[in-house]
Amino acid sequence: MRDHILVQMTQALRPGGLLVLYQYSLHMKQTLAEELIIENIQFVPYNLPPVYVYTYRKKDDDA
């Protein structure tokens, strides 16, 4: 199910489009980086529970 959701997310983005999401760990960092470019990962310690806010950009079609 997770892989299906990831495929749907990346297909829905246009080239250069941004994806912003939050995770409670860095577990998905490499998986997401296979299809997307890491723009920023910010740790938010004051959230309860603390989270990581990921910002990724979809690769251009010709990249």
Protein backbone atom coordinates (compact mmCIF):
# COMPACT_ATOMS: atom_id res chain seq x y z
CA MET A 1 0.00 0.00 0.00
CA ARG A 2 2.82 2.41 0.90
CA ASP A 3 4.55 1.92 -2.46
CA HIS A 4 1.27 2.48 -4.30
CA ILE A 5 0.72 5.77 -2.46
CA LEU A 6 4.29 6.91 -3.25
CA VAL A 7 3.81 6.16 -6.94
CA GLN A 8 0.52 8.07 -6.99
CA MET A 9 2.09 11.08 -5.25
CA THR A 10 4.99 11.31 -7.69
CA GLN A 11 2.73 10.83 -10.71
CA ALA A 12 0.43 13.60 -9.52
CA LEU A 13 3.29 16.12 -9.33
CA ARG A 14 4.29 18.05 -12.44
CA PRO A 15 8.03 18.26 -13.21
CA GLY A 16 9.55 20.73 -10.75
CA GLY A 17 6.50 20.43 -8.46
CA LEU A 18 6.98 20.44 -4.69
CA LEU A 19 5.92 17.82 -2.18
CA VAL A 20 5.86 18.84 1.48
CA LEU A 21 5.10 16.18 4.07
CA TYR A 22 5.95 15.31 7.63
CA GLN A 23 7.32 12.14 9.14
CA TYR A 24 8.24 11.12 12.65
CA SER A 25 11.59 9.70 11.53
CA LEU A 26 14.06 9.83 8.64
CA HIS A 27 13.01 6.32 7.63
CA MET A 28 11.57 7.35 4.22
CA LYS A 29 14.35 9.77 3.26
CA GLN A 30 16.18 7.46 0.83
CA THR A 31 13.01 5.91 -0.60
CA LEU A 32 11.61 9.33 -1.48
CA ALA A 33 14.98 10.50 -2.82
CA GLU A 34 14.89 7.78 -5.49
CA GLU A 35 12.15 9.68 -7.35
CA LEU A 36 12.37 13.20 -5.91
CA ILE A 37 15.08 15.77 -5.20
CA ILE A 38 15.60 16.67 -1.54
CA GLU A 39 15.10 20.42 -1.14
CA ASN A 40 15.03 20.55 2.65
CA ILE A 41 14.47 18.40 5.73
CA GLN A 42 13.74 20.32 8.90
CA PHE A 43 13.43 18.85 12.38
CA VAL A 44 10.61 20.42 14.40
CA PRO A 45 11.31 19.54 18.06
CA TYR A 46 8.50 21.65 19.52
CA ASN A 47 5.80 19.64 17.78
CA LEU A 48 4.35 16.88 19.97
CA PRO A 49 5.56 14.38 18.99
CA PRO A 50 8.56 15.97 17.24
CA VAL A 51 8.51 15.63 13.44
CA TYR A 52 10.64 16.05 10.34
CA VAL A 53 9.20 18.26 7.61
CA TYR A 54 10.38 17.04 4.22
CA THR A 55 10.36 19.27 1.16
CA TYR A 56 11.03 17.46 -2.11
CA ARG A 57 10.92 18.58 -5.72
CA LYS A 58 10.00 16.33 -8.60
CA LYS A 59 12.80 15.76 -11.08
CA ASP A 60 12.38 17.27 -14.53
CA ASP A 61 11.38 14.80 -17.23
CA ASP A 62 14.71 15.19 -19.00
CA ALA A 63 16.81 14.84 -15.81
